[in-house]
Amino acid sequence: MSSIRKITPEISIKLQLSFEKKKQLYALLKSLKADNVDFPRGLSMEMSTDDDNTLVIQLSSKRGFGTVINMVDEILEHISIGMQVITNA
C-alpha cells in the first residue's frame, strides 16, 4: 500500500472595506493593527489603504479552509466592534 501525503493548499482572501470618511478608515486600521500581530506559522495578514477610503486586507493561510474561515470571522467581528465604537464616540 502506498502512502498518500495530504497536501493543504494555500488560501488567499482579499477583503475590501469602503468608508465614508478617511478618519473612520484610519481609526479602524489602527485598532486592527494592534489586535493582529504575531500570527501563528502558516498564517499572514497584510493591510493597506487606497485613495478611495478603502481598507484592503489580504489574508493567507497554509493551514486549510477552516483556519482561513476562522480568521475572516474573527477579523469581521473586530471590524464590527471597531465600527460601533467609532460611530458612538
PDB file of N, CA and C in Angstrom:
ATOM      1  N   MET A   1       0.832  -1.166   0.000  1.00  0.00           N
ATOM      2  CA  MET A   1       0.000   0.000   0.000  1.00  0.00           C
ATOM      3  C   MET A   1       0.884   1.239   0.000  1.00  0.00           C
ATOM      4  N   SER A   2       0.622   2.160  -0.893  1.00  0.00           N
ATOM      5  CA  SER A   2       1.413   3.388  -0.930  1.00  0.00           C
ATOM      6  C   SER A   2       0.827   4.433   0.014  1.00  0.00           C
ATOM      7  N   SER A   3       1.710   5.219   0.572  1.00  0.00           N
ATOM      8  CA  SER A   3       1.216   6.267   1.466  1.00  0.00           C
ATOM      9  C   SER A   3       0.898   7.517   0.651  1.00  0.00           C
ATOM     10  N   ILE A   4      -0.219   8.099   0.955  1.00  0.00           N
ATOM     11  CA  ILE A   4      -0.647   9.305   0.264  1.00  0.00           C
ATOM     12  C   ILE A   4      -0.430  10.476   1.203  1.00  0.00           C
ATOM     13  N   ARG A   5       0.333  11.429   0.728  1.00  0.00           N
ATOM     14  CA  ARG A   5       0.624  12.607   1.538  1.00  0.00           C
ATOM     15  C   ARG A   5      -0.473  13.640   1.313  1.00  0.00           C
ATOM     16  N   LYS A   6      -1.072  14.070   2.399  1.00  0.00           N
ATOM     17  CA  LYS A   6      -2.125  15.071   2.320  1.00  0.00           C
ATOM     18  C   LYS A   6      -1.486  16.446   2.145  1.00  0.00           C
ATOM     19  N   ILE A   7      -1.871  17.156   1.105  1.00  0.00           N
ATOM     20  CA  ILE A   7      -1.329  18.479   0.839  1.00  0.00           C
ATOM     21  C   ILE A   7      -2.418  19.508   1.123  1.00  0.00           C
ATOM     22  N   THR A   8      -2.102  20.457   1.991  1.00  0.00           N
ATOM     23  CA  THR A   8      -3.027  21.525   2.304  1.00  0.00           C
ATOM     24  C   THR A   8      -2.724  22.705   1.394  1.00  0.00           C
ATOM     25  N   PRO A   9      -3.712  23.155   0.624  1.00  0.00           N
ATOM     26  CA  PRO A   9      -3.450  24.260  -0.304  1.00  0.00           C
ATOM     27  C   PRO A   9      -3.316  25.593   0.431  1.00  0.00           C
ATOM     28  N   GLU A  10      -2.579  26.507  -0.184  1.00  0.00           N
ATOM     29  CA  GLU A  10      -2.513  27.864   0.359  1.00  0.00           C
ATOM     30  C   GLU A  10      -3.750  28.610  -0.115  1.00  0.00           C
ATOM     31  N   ILE A  11      -4.384  29.285   0.796  1.00  0.00           N
ATOM     32  CA  ILE A  11      -5.620  30.003   0.500  1.00  0.00           C
ATOM     33  C   ILE A  11      -5.375  31.483   0.751  1.00  0.00           C
ATOM     34  N   SER A  12      -5.793  32.307  -0.185  1.00  0.00           N
ATOM     35  CA  SER A  12      -5.680  33.756  -0.020  1.00  0.00           C
ATOM     36  C   SER A  12      -7.044  34.382  -0.198  1.00  0.00           C
ATOM     37  N   ILE A  13      -7.334  35.350   0.663  1.00  0.00           N
ATOM     38  CA  ILE A  13      -8.601  36.069   0.606  1.00  0.00           C
ATOM     39  C   ILE A  13      -8.300  37.552   0.698  1.00  0.00           C
ATOM     40  N   LYS A  14      -8.986  38.328  -0.108  1.00  0.00           N
ATOM     41  CA  LYS A  14      -8.814  39.779  -0.092  1.00  0.00           C
ATOM     42  C   LYS A  14     -10.142  40.410   0.303  1.00  0.00           C
ATOM     43  N   LEU A  15     -10.114  41.178   1.397  1.00  0.00           N
ATOM     44  CA  LEU A  15     -11.292  41.914   1.853  1.00  0.00           C
ATOM     45  C   LEU A  15     -11.084  43.380   1.529  1.00  0.00           C
ATOM     46  N   GLN A  16     -12.113  44.025   0.983  1.00  0.00           N
ATOM     47  CA  GLN A  16     -12.049  45.447   0.699  1.00  0.00           C
ATOM     48  C   GLN A  16     -13.233  46.113   1.388  1.00  0.00           C
ATOM     49  N   LEU A  17     -12.929  47.067   2.272  1.00  0.00           N
ATOM     50  CA  LEU A  17     -13.960  47.747   3.039  1.00  0.00           C
ATOM     51  C   LEU A  17     -13.888  49.239   2.744  1.00  0.00           C
ATOM     52  N   SER A  18     -14.992  49.808   2.276  1.00  0.00           N
ATOM     53  CA  SER A  18     -15.035  51.235   1.942  1.00  0.00           C
ATOM     54  C   SER A  18     -15.644  52.027   3.094  1.00  0.00           C
ATOM     55  N   PHE A  19     -15.091  53.205   3.332  1.00  0.00           N
ATOM     56  CA  PHE A  19     -15.536  54.074   4.414  1.00  0.00           C
ATOM     57  C   PHE A  19     -15.948  55.423   3.859  1.00  0.00           C
ATOM     58  N   GLU A  20     -16.896  56.063   4.532  1.00  0.00           N
ATOM     59  CA  GLU A  20     -17.321  57.395   4.125  1.00  0.00           C
ATOM     60  C   GLU A  20     -16.240  58.429   4.407  1.00  0.00           C
ATOM     61  N   LYS A  21     -15.559  58.258   5.542  1.00  0.00           N
ATOM     62  CA  LYS A  21     -14.574  59.249   5.971  1.00  0.00           C
ATOM     63  C   LYS A  21     -13.224  58.595   6.206  1.00  0.00           C
ATOM     64  N   LYS A  22     -12.188  59.309   5.799  1.00  0.00           N
ATOM     65  CA  LYS A  22     -10.821  58.827   5.993  1.00  0.00           C
ATOM     66  C   LYS A  22     -10.504  58.633   7.475  1.00  0.00           C
ATOM     67  N   LYS A  23     -11.096  59.465   8.306  1.00  0.00           N
ATOM     68  CA  LYS A  23     -10.888  59.389   9.756  1.00  0.00           C
ATOM     69  C   LYS A  23     -11.350  58.028  10.302  1.00  0.00           C
ATOM     70  N   GLN A  24     -12.497  57.535   9.815  1.00  0.00           N
ATOM     71  CA  GLN A  24     -13.006  56.219  10.229  1.00  0.00           C
ATOM     72  C   GLN A  24     -12.065  55.118   9.765  1.00  0.00           C
ATOM     73  N   LEU A  25     -11.610  55.236   8.538  1.00  0.00           N
ATOM     74  CA  LEU A  25     -10.704  54.243   7.952  1.00  0.00           C
ATOM     75  C   LEU A  25      -9.447  54.096   8.802  1.00  0.00           C
ATOM     76  N   TYR A  26      -8.810  55.209   9.146  1.00  0.00           N
ATOM     77  CA  TYR A  26      -7.553  55.138   9.884  1.00  0.00           C
ATOM     78  C   TYR A  26      -7.753  54.731  11.341  1.00  0.00           C
ATOM     79  N   ALA A  27      -8.887  55.099  11.928  1.00  0.00           N
ATOM     80  CA  ALA A  27      -9.174  54.654  13.302  1.00  0.00           C
ATOM     81  C   ALA A  27      -9.318  53.138  13.334  1.00  0.00           C
ATOM     82  N   LEU A  28     -10.033  52.585  12.355  1.00  0.00           N
ATOM     83  CA  LEU A  28     -10.218  51.135  12.309  1.00  0.00           C
ATOM     84  C   LEU A  28      -8.908  50.428  11.982  1.00  0.00           C
ATOM     85  N   LEU A  29      -8.159  50.972  11.046  1.00  0.00           N
ATOM     86  CA  LEU A  29      -6.865  50.387  10.690  1.00  0.00           C
ATOM     87  C   LEU A  29      -5.956  50.313  11.915  1.00  0.00           C
ATOM     88  N   LYS A  30      -5.911  51.382  12.685  1.00  0.00           N
ATOM     89  CA  LYS A  30      -5.076  51.424  13.890  1.00  0.00           C
ATOM     90  C   LYS A  30      -5.517  50.366  14.903  1.00  0.00           C
ATOM     91  N   SER A  31      -6.830  50.213  15.085  1.00  0.00           N
ATOM     92  CA  SER A  31      -7.315  49.221  16.053  1.00  0.00           C
ATOM     93  C   SER A  31      -7.040  47.795  15.580  1.00  0.00           C
ATOM     94  N   LEU A  32      -7.152  47.544  14.295  1.00  0.00           N
ATOM     95  CA  LEU A  32      -6.883  46.198  13.765  1.00  0.00           C
ATOM     96  C   LEU A  32      -5.403  45.840  13.858  1.00  0.00           C
ATOM     97  N   LYS A  33      -4.540  46.801  13.601  1.00  0.00           N
ATOM     98  CA  LYS A  33      -3.096  46.521  13.676  1.00  0.00           C
ATOM     99  C   LYS A  33      -2.687  46.106  15.080  1.00  0.00           C
ATOM    100  N   ALA A  34      -3.288  46.742  16.073  1.00  0.00           N
ATOM    101  CA  ALA A  34      -2.955  46.409  17.469  1.00  0.00           C
ATOM    102  C   ALA A  34      -3.400  44.995  17.829  1.00  0.00           C
ATOM    103  N   ASP A  35      -4.520  44.543  17.260  1.00  0.00           N
ATOM    104  CA  ASP A  35      -5.073  43.225  17.583  1.00  0.00           C
ATOM    105  C   ASP A  35      -4.451  42.086  16.791  1.00  0.00           C
ATOM    106  N   ASN A  36      -3.814  42.386  15.682  1.00  0.00           N
ATOM    107  CA  ASN A  36      -3.399  41.321  14.773  1.00  0.00           C
ATOM    108  C   ASN A  36      -1.896  41.326  14.537  1.00  0.00           C
ATOM    109  N   VAL A  37      -1.173  40.916  15.550  1.00  0.00           N
ATOM    110  CA  VAL A  37       0.279  40.773  15.457  1.00  0.00           C
ATOM    111  C   VAL A  37       0.654  39.358  15.890  1.00  0.00           C
ATOM    112  N   ASP A  38       1.838  38.943  15.531  1.00  0.00           N
ATOM    113  CA  ASP A  38       2.352  37.624  15.923  1.00  0.00           C
ATOM    114  C   ASP A  38       1.415  36.480  15.523  1.00  0.00           C
ATOM    115  N   PHE A  39       1.157  36.376  14.233  1.00  0.00           N
ATOM    116  CA  PHE A  39       0.328  35.289  13.729  1.00  0.00           C
ATOM    117  C   PHE A  39       1.065  33.966  13.838  1.00  0.00           C
ATOM    118  N   PRO A  40       0.335  32.890  14.036  1.00  0.00           N
ATOM    119  CA  PRO A  40       0.974  31.569  14.036  1.00  0.00           C
ATOM    120  C   PRO A  40       1.588  31.259  12.668  1.00  0.00           C
ATOM    121  N   ARG A  41       2.511  30.346  12.669  1.00  0.00           N
ATOM    122  CA  ARG A  41       3.171  29.918  11.433  1.00  0.00           C
ATOM    123  C   ARG A  41       2.143  29.450  10.411  1.00  0.00           C
ATOM    124  N   GLY A  42       2.317  29.875   9.167  1.00  0.00           N
ATOM    125  CA  GLY A  42       1.415  29.475   8.097  1.00  0.00           C
ATOM    126  C   GLY A  42       0.246  30.418   7.879  1.00  0.00           C
ATOM    127  N   LEU A  43       0.137  31.459   8.716  1.00  0.00           N
ATOM    128  CA  LEU A  43      -0.924  32.451   8.576  1.00  0.00           C
ATOM    129  C   LEU A  43      -0.302  33.825   8.389  1.00  0.00           C
ATOM    130  N   SER A  44      -0.939  34.648   7.563  1.00  0.00           N
ATOM    131  CA  SER A  44      -0.446  36.016   7.426  1.00  0.00           C
ATOM    132  C   SER A  44      -1.587  36.960   7.086  1.00  0.00           C
ATOM    133  N   MET A  45      -1.393  38.223   7.449  1.00  0.00           N
ATOM    134  CA  MET A  45      -2.360  39.258   7.141  1.00  0.00           C
ATOM    135  C   MET A  45      -1.606  40.532   6.814  1.00  0.00           C
ATOM    136  N   GLU A  46      -1.982  41.142   5.706  1.00  0.00           N
ATOM    137  CA  GLU A  46      -1.413  42.420   5.311  1.00  0.00           C
ATOM    138  C   GLU A  46      -2.555  43.399   5.124  1.00  0.00           C
ATOM    139  N   MET A  47      -2.364  44.645   5.590  1.00  0.00           N
ATOM    140  CA  MET A  47      -3.391  45.670   5.446  1.00  0.00           C
ATOM    141  C   MET A  47      -2.804  46.875   4.744  1.00  0.00           C
ATOM    142  N   SER A  48      -3.624  47.492   3.907  1.00  0.00           N
ATOM    143  CA  SER A  48      -3.220  48.715   3.218  1.00  0.00           C
ATOM    144  C   SER A  48      -4.465  49.555   2.956  1.00  0.00           C
ATOM    145  N   THR A  49      -4.249  50.779   2.519  1.00  0.00           N
ATOM    146  CA  THR A  49      -5.347  51.678   2.187  1.00  0.00           C
ATOM    147  C   THR A  49      -5.147  52.178   0.767  1.00  0.00           C
ATOM    148  N   ASP A  50      -6.229  52.704   0.194  1.00  0.00           N
ATOM    149  CA  ASP A  50      -6.091  53.332  -1.116  1.00  0.00           C
ATOM    150  C   ASP A  50      -6.716  54.726  -1.074  1.00  0.00           C
ATOM    151  N   ASP A  51      -6.683  55.423  -2.174  1.00  0.00           N
ATOM    152  CA  ASP A  51      -7.157  56.808  -2.231  1.00  0.00           C
ATOM    153  C   ASP A  51      -8.675  56.940  -2.133  1.00  0.00           C
ATOM    154  N   ASP A  52      -9.393  55.855  -2.246  1.00  0.00           N
ATOM    155  CA  ASP A  52     -10.857  55.890  -2.219  1.00  0.00           C
ATOM    156  C   ASP A  52     -11.423  55.557  -0.841  1.00  0.00           C
ATOM    157  N   ASN A  53     -10.668  55.805   0.220  1.00  0.00           N
ATOM    158  CA  ASN A  53     -11.095  55.481   1.585  1.00  0.00           C
ATOM    159  C   ASN A  53     -11.445  54.003   1.743  1.00  0.00           C
ATOM    160  N   THR A  54     -10.631  53.161   1.157  1.00  0.00           N
ATOM    161  CA  THR A  54     -10.845  51.717   1.215  1.00  0.00           C
ATOM    162  C   THR A  54      -9.718  51.054   1.988  1.00  0.00           C
ATOM    163  N   LEU A  55     -10.106  50.187   2.913  1.00  0.00           N
ATOM    164  CA  LEU A  55      -9.156  49.366   3.645  1.00  0.00           C
ATOM    165  C   LEU A  55      -9.081  48.017   2.934  1.00  0.00           C
ATOM    166  N   VAL A  56      -7.878  47.603   2.587  1.00  0.00           N
ATOM    167  CA  VAL A  56      -7.664  46.337   1.891  1.00  0.00           C
ATOM    168  C   VAL A  56      -6.942  45.403   2.850  1.00  0.00           C
ATOM    169  N   ILE A  57      -7.540  44.237   3.093  1.00  0.00           N
ATOM    170  CA  ILE A  57      -6.945  43.236   3.979  1.00  0.00           C
ATOM    171  C   ILE A  57      -6.706  41.981   3.163  1.00  0.00           C
ATOM    172  N   GLN A  58      -5.458  41.554   3.110  1.00  0.00           N
ATOM    173  CA  GLN A  58      -5.080  40.338   2.388  1.00  0.00           C
ATOM    174  C   GLN A  58      -4.718  39.267   3.414  1.00  0.00           C
ATOM    175  N   LEU A  59      -5.464  38.176   3.415  1.00  0.00           N
ATOM    176  CA  LEU A  59      -5.228  37.064   4.341  1.00  0.00           C
ATOM    177  C   LEU A  59      -4.704  35.862   3.571  1.00  0.00           C
ATOM    178  N   SER A  60      -3.748  35.172   4.149  1.00  0.00           N
ATOM    179  CA  SER A  60      -3.223  33.945   3.551  1.00  0.00           C
ATOM    180  C   SER A  60      -3.087  32.882   4.625  1.00  0.00           C
ATOM    181  N   SER A  61      -3.392  31.647   4.240  1.00  0.00           N
ATOM    182  CA  SER A  61      -3.279  30.533   5.169  1.00  0.00           C
ATOM    183  C   SER A  61      -2.753  29.298   4.445  1.00  0.00           C
ATOM    184  N   LYS A  62      -1.818  28.653   5.082  1.00  0.00           N
ATOM    185  CA  LYS A  62      -1.320  27.359   4.609  1.00  0.00           C
ATOM    186  C   LYS A  62      -1.844  26.254   5.518  1.00  0.00           C
ATOM    187  N   ARG A  63      -2.885  26.589   6.292  1.00  0.00           N
ATOM    188  CA  ARG A  63      -3.400  25.652   7.287  1.00  0.00           C
ATOM    189  C   ARG A  63      -4.810  25.155   6.973  1.00  0.00           C
ATOM    190  N   GLY A  64      -5.295  25.409   5.773  1.00  0.00           N
ATOM    191  CA  GLY A  64      -6.584  24.865   5.379  1.00  0.00           C
ATOM    192  C   GLY A  64      -7.731  25.862   5.423  1.00  0.00           C
ATOM    193  N   PHE A  65      -8.855  25.414   4.866  1.00  0.00           N
ATOM    194  CA  PHE A  65     -10.030  26.265   4.744  1.00  0.00           C
ATOM    195  C   PHE A  65     -10.611  26.675   6.089  1.00  0.00           C
ATOM    196  N   GLY A  66     -10.686  25.760   7.022  1.00  0.00           N
ATOM    197  CA  GLY A  66     -11.263  26.056   8.324  1.00  0.00           C
ATOM    198  C   GLY A  66     -10.530  27.184   9.027  1.00  0.00           C
ATOM    199  N   THR A  67      -9.216  27.171   8.937  1.00  0.00           N
ATOM    200  CA  THR A  67      -8.412  28.199   9.592  1.00  0.00           C
ATOM    201  C   THR A  67      -8.660  29.567   8.968  1.00  0.00           C
ATOM    202  N   VAL A  68      -8.692  29.630   7.647  1.00  0.00           N
ATOM    203  CA  VAL A  68      -8.896  30.927   6.993  1.00  0.00           C
ATOM    204  C   VAL A  68     -10.321  31.443   7.232  1.00  0.00           C
ATOM    205  N   ILE A  69     -11.286  30.560   7.299  1.00  0.00           N
ATOM    206  CA  ILE A  69     -12.661  30.976   7.614  1.00  0.00           C
ATOM    207  C   ILE A  69     -12.721  31.543   9.023  1.00  0.00           C
ATOM    208  N   ASN A  70     -12.040  30.903   9.965  1.00  0.00           N
ATOM    209  CA  ASN A  70     -11.987  31.422  11.337  1.00  0.00           C
ATOM    210  C   ASN A  70     -11.299  32.786  11.389  1.00  0.00           C
ATOM    211  N   MET A  71     -10.237  32.967  10.592  1.00  0.00           N
ATOM    212  CA  MET A  71      -9.546  34.250  10.534  1.00  0.00           C
ATOM    213  C   MET A  71     -10.481  35.347  10.036  1.00  0.00           C
ATOM    214  N   VAL A  72     -11.187  35.076   8.958  1.00  0.00           N
ATOM    215  CA  VAL A  72     -12.117  36.056   8.385  1.00  0.00           C
ATOM    216  C   VAL A  72     -13.203  36.390   9.403  1.00  0.00           C
ATOM    217  N   ASP A  73     -13.751  35.382  10.037  1.00  0.00           N
ATOM    218  CA  ASP A  73     -14.802  35.596  11.033  1.00  0.00           C
ATOM    219  C   ASP A  73     -14.304  36.488  12.175  1.00  0.00           C
ATOM    220  N   GLU A  74     -13.117  36.202  12.670  1.00  0.00           N
ATOM    221  CA  GLU A  74     -12.564  36.991  13.779  1.00  0.00           C
ATOM    222  C   GLU A  74     -12.286  38.434  13.354  1.00  0.00           C
ATOM    223  N   ILE A  75     -11.727  38.624  12.172  1.00  0.00           N
ATOM    224  CA  ILE A  75     -11.434  39.971  11.694  1.00  0.00           C
ATOM    225  C   ILE A  75     -12.723  40.765  11.471  1.00  0.00           C
ATOM    226  N   LEU A  76     -13.743  40.123  10.893  1.00  0.00           N
ATOM    227  CA  LEU A  76     -15.019  40.811  10.696  1.00  0.00           C
ATOM    228  C   LEU A  76     -15.667  41.178  12.021  1.00  0.00           C
ATOM    229  N   GLU A  77     -15.495  40.336  13.021  1.00  0.00           N
ATOM    230  CA  GLU A  77     -16.013  40.657  14.359  1.00  0.00           C
ATOM    231  C   GLU A  77     -15.280  41.870  14.928  1.00  0.00           C
ATOM    232  N   HIS A  78     -13.963  41.920  14.772  1.00  0.00           N
ATOM    233  CA  HIS A  78     -13.179  43.072  15.242  1.00  0.00           C
ATOM    234  C   HIS A  78     -13.602  44.340  14.507  1.00  0.00           C
ATOM    235  N   ILE A  79     -13.842  44.225  13.212  1.00  0.00           N
ATOM    236  CA  ILE A  79     -14.280  45.374  12.416  1.00  0.00           C
ATOM    237  C   ILE A  79     -15.645  45.859  12.899  1.00  0.00           C
ATOM    238  N   SER A  80     -16.553  44.941  13.139  1.00  0.00           N
ATOM    239  CA  SER A  80     -17.894  45.303  13.617  1.00  0.00           C
ATOM    240  C   SER A  80     -17.825  46.040  14.956  1.00  0.00           C
ATOM    241  N   ILE A  81     -17.055  45.512  15.875  1.00  0.00           N
ATOM    242  CA  ILE A  81     -16.904  46.156  17.192  1.00  0.00           C
ATOM    243  C   ILE A  81     -16.230  47.521  17.035  1.00  0.00           C
ATOM    244  N   GLY A  82     -15.191  47.580  16.222  1.00  0.00           N
ATOM    245  CA  GLY A  82     -14.488  48.851  15.994  1.00  0.00           C
ATOM    246  C   GLY A  82     -15.397  49.901  15.393  1.00  0.00           C
ATOM    247  N   MET A  83     -16.238  49.518  14.439  1.00  0.00           N
ATOM    248  CA  MET A  83     -17.159  50.478  13.816  1.00  0.00           C
ATOM    249  C   MET A  83     -18.204  50.955  14.837  1.00  0.00           C
ATOM    250  N   GLN A  84     -18.638  50.089  15.711  1.00  0.00           N
ATOM    251  CA  GLN A  84     -19.587  50.511  16.747  1.00  0.00           C
ATOM    252  C   GLN A  84     -18.961  51.551  17.666  1.00  0.00           C
ATOM    253  N   VAL A  85     -17.714  51.317  18.033  1.00  0.00           N
ATOM    254  CA  VAL A  85     -17.003  52.255  18.907  1.00  0.00           C
ATOM    255  C   VAL A  85     -16.804  53.595  18.183  1.00  0.00           C
ATOM    256  N   ILE A  86     -16.379  53.542  16.927  1.00  0.00           N
ATOM    257  CA  ILE A  86     -16.106  54.752  16.157  1.00  0.00           C
ATOM    258  C   ILE A  86     -17.382  55.577  15.962  1.00  0.00           C
ATOM    259  N   THR A  87     -18.479  54.937  15.615  1.00  0.00           N
ATOM    260  CA  THR A  87     -19.716  55.688  15.339  1.00  0.00           C
ATOM    261  C   THR A  87     -20.386  56.179  16.609  1.00  0.00           C
ATOM    262  N   ASN A  88     -20.113  55.564  17.741  1.00  0.00           N
ATOM    263  CA  ASN A  88     -20.722  56.005  19.011  1.00  0.00           C
ATOM    264  C   ASN A  88     -19.821  56.949  19.796  1.00  0.00           C
ATOM    265  N   ALA A  89     -18.622  57.230  19.282  1.00  0.00           N
ATOM    266  CA  ALA A  89     -17.685  58.100  20.008  1.00  0.00           C
ATOM    267  C   ALA A  89     -18.053  59.562  19.845  1.00  0.00           C
TER     268      ALA A  89
END
